[in-house]
Every structure is written in structure tokens, then in C-alpha cells.
Amino acid sequence: MKIALPTRQNIIDSHFGHCEYYTIFTVDTNTKEIVNEEILESPTGCGCKSNIAKILSEMKVELMLAGNMGEGAVRVLNNSGIEVLRGCSGDVKKVALNWIDGSLTDSGDLCPEHEHGCHN
């Protein structure tokens, strides 16, 4: 299974739409181990209006572990077959390992403001 994490300097970026890159881990769900790590450059433009959902879907990503995200971005990712778990923070590998061991839950928080221009 592949999971994607919006990343800035190896830390979960608190705003998915402006991350530097995505860290993509391949997880062996039987052994509960990370078996591969890839870096995907963030496409030009805000995450919610870029083609990132399509790219991640084509890469067979099934889950996004994110900090904060607007409702539109969640919907676009969900429509591409990617589940979203929000409220994550810290080192991307530690976050992924916490998900693997079952200690993460979705915060349910949606990005309340969009002053960054994504929805203008």
C-alpha cells in the first residue's frame, strides 16, 4: 500500500497545498513495515487546483496523511480514490510509523481560511 505525506524539510507541511514535495512510502501491510520511500516534487499551483490527485492516483497512492486541508482538496483526493487523514504533524517517517501501528486518527479539521489565493 502506498501512502503520501505533504512534506516541507522532512516534516508534515501544515498546509497541503503549499508543500515542497510529497514523501511517498510503500508499506507492506502484512509485515507492517515501510519497504520503499519516494519523493515527488509538488506540482505548480495550489494543491487543490493542481493535478496532484491524478498523479498520486496513477502512482497507486491510497492514503494521504496530512496536516490541514480544505474541503475541496479532501473531495478531489477522495474522488481519485485517496483517503485523507488530517491532523498529522512532525517527522514524516514517524507519522507514517504511527499510522502503521494504528495510533493516528483523523482530526476532522478542515482548513477554515484560504488567504493563500487558492480559491480566488
Protein backbone atom coordinates (compact mmCIF):
# COMPACT_ATOMS: atom_id res chain seq x y z
CA MET A 1 0.00 0.00 0.00
CA LYS A 2 1.24 3.50 -0.83
CA ILE A 3 0.75 6.50 1.43
CA ALA A 4 1.62 10.12 0.63
CA LEU A 5 2.60 12.86 3.08
CA PRO A 6 2.84 16.56 2.11
CA THR A 7 6.34 17.49 3.23
CA ARG A 8 8.49 20.53 3.96
CA GLN A 9 12.03 19.82 5.20
CA ASN A 10 11.13 16.22 6.16
CA ILE A 11 8.23 17.44 8.34
CA ILE A 12 4.50 17.23 7.57
CA ASP A 13 3.62 20.53 5.92
CA SER A 14 0.75 22.06 7.86
CA HIS A 15 -0.79 23.25 4.58
CA PHE A 16 -1.03 20.51 1.99
CA GLY A 17 -1.46 22.90 -0.95
CA HIS A 18 1.90 24.56 -0.48
CA CYS A 19 4.22 21.69 0.41
CA GLU A 20 7.71 21.46 -1.09
CA TYR A 21 7.26 17.82 -2.07
CA TYR A 22 5.38 14.64 -1.20
CA THR A 23 7.02 11.77 0.59
CA ILE A 24 5.52 8.51 -0.61
CA PHE A 25 6.02 5.39 1.45
CA THR A 26 5.20 1.90 0.27
CA VAL A 27 4.00 -0.12 3.25
CA ASP A 28 3.87 -3.90 3.44
CA THR A 29 0.57 -4.28 5.30
CA ASN A 30 1.40 -7.88 6.25
CA THR A 31 4.71 -7.14 7.95
CA LYS A 32 3.71 -3.56 8.86
CA GLU A 33 6.99 -2.21 7.54
CA ILE A 34 7.96 0.61 5.20
CA VAL A 35 9.55 -1.11 2.21
CA ASN A 36 10.18 1.88 -0.07
CA GLU A 37 10.37 5.67 0.04
CA GLU A 38 9.97 8.06 -2.90
CA ILE A 39 9.98 11.83 -3.24
CA LEU A 40 7.53 13.51 -5.61
CA GLU A 41 8.03 17.18 -6.39
CA SER A 42 4.97 19.30 -5.69
CA PRO A 43 3.27 20.40 -8.92
CA THR A 44 2.94 24.07 -9.78
CA GLY A 45 -0.07 25.75 -8.26
CA CYS A 46 -2.12 25.22 -5.14
CA GLY A 47 -2.66 21.58 -4.22
CA CYS A 48 -6.43 21.77 -4.54
CA LYS A 49 -6.22 23.10 -8.10
CA SER A 50 -3.16 21.20 -9.30
CA ASN A 51 -3.15 17.73 -10.82
CA ILE A 52 -1.66 16.13 -7.68
CA ALA A 53 -4.71 13.93 -7.03
CA LYS A 54 -4.45 12.42 -10.51
CA ILE A 55 -0.68 11.95 -10.23
CA LEU A 56 -0.96 10.25 -6.82
CA SER A 57 -3.83 8.07 -8.01
CA GLU A 58 -1.77 6.96 -11.04
CA MET A 59 1.05 6.09 -8.60
CA LYS A 60 -1.46 3.86 -6.72
CA VAL A 61 -1.44 6.02 -3.57
CA GLU A 62 -4.39 5.05 -1.36
CA LEU A 63 -3.94 7.34 1.64
CA MET A 64 -2.78 10.90 2.33
CA LEU A 65 -1.54 11.68 5.85
CA ALA A 66 -1.81 15.45 6.09
CA GLY A 67 -1.71 18.36 8.49
CA ASN A 68 -4.56 20.59 7.41
CA MET A 69 -6.58 20.61 4.23
CA GLY A 70 -9.59 22.37 2.78
CA GLU A 71 -12.83 20.57 1.99
CA GLY A 72 -12.31 20.93 -1.76
CA ALA A 73 -8.92 19.23 -1.62
CA VAL A 74 -10.31 16.39 0.51
CA ARG A 75 -13.14 15.91 -2.00
CA VAL A 76 -10.77 15.91 -5.01
CA LEU A 77 -8.48 13.37 -3.35
CA ASN A 78 -11.41 11.18 -2.25
CA ASN A 79 -12.84 11.28 -5.79
CA SER A 80 -9.45 9.99 -7.00
CA GLY A 81 -9.64 7.04 -4.60
CA ILE A 82 -7.35 8.55 -1.97
CA GLU A 83 -8.45 8.53 1.66
CA VAL A 84 -7.34 11.54 3.72
CA LEU A 85 -6.32 11.56 7.38
CA ARG A 86 -5.83 15.10 8.74
CA GLY A 87 -4.26 16.46 11.90
CA CYS A 88 -0.80 14.93 11.40
CA SER A 89 2.38 16.75 12.39
CA GLY A 90 6.08 16.10 12.85
CA ASP A 91 8.67 13.95 11.11
CA VAL A 92 7.12 12.22 8.09
CA LYS A 93 8.62 8.81 8.82
CA LYS A 94 7.44 8.92 12.44
CA VAL A 95 3.96 9.92 11.28
CA ALA A 96 3.91 7.00 8.82
CA LEU A 97 5.07 4.59 11.52
CA ASN A 98 2.39 5.90 13.88
CA TRP A 99 -0.22 5.24 11.18
CA ILE A 100 1.16 1.74 10.64
CA ASP A 101 0.84 0.94 14.35
CA GLY A 102 -2.72 2.30 14.37
CA SER A 103 -2.17 5.29 16.65
CA LEU A 104 -3.40 8.02 14.25
CA THR A 105 -6.97 9.20 13.81
CA ASP A 106 -8.43 11.89 11.57
CA SER A 107 -8.81 15.26 13.30
CA GLY A 108 -11.78 16.15 11.11
CA ASP A 109 -10.46 19.71 10.88
CA LEU A 110 -10.86 21.47 7.58
CA CYS A 111 -8.81 24.48 6.60
CA PRO A 112 -11.11 27.37 7.60
CA GLU A 113 -9.42 30.17 5.66
CA HIS A 114 -7.92 30.38 2.21
CA GLU A 115 -5.96 33.62 2.24
CA HIS A 116 -3.25 31.93 0.20
CA GLY A 117 -5.20 32.60 -3.01
CA CYS A 118 -6.05 29.01 -3.88
CA HIS A 119 -9.78 29.69 -4.17
CA ASN A 120 -9.68 33.17 -5.65
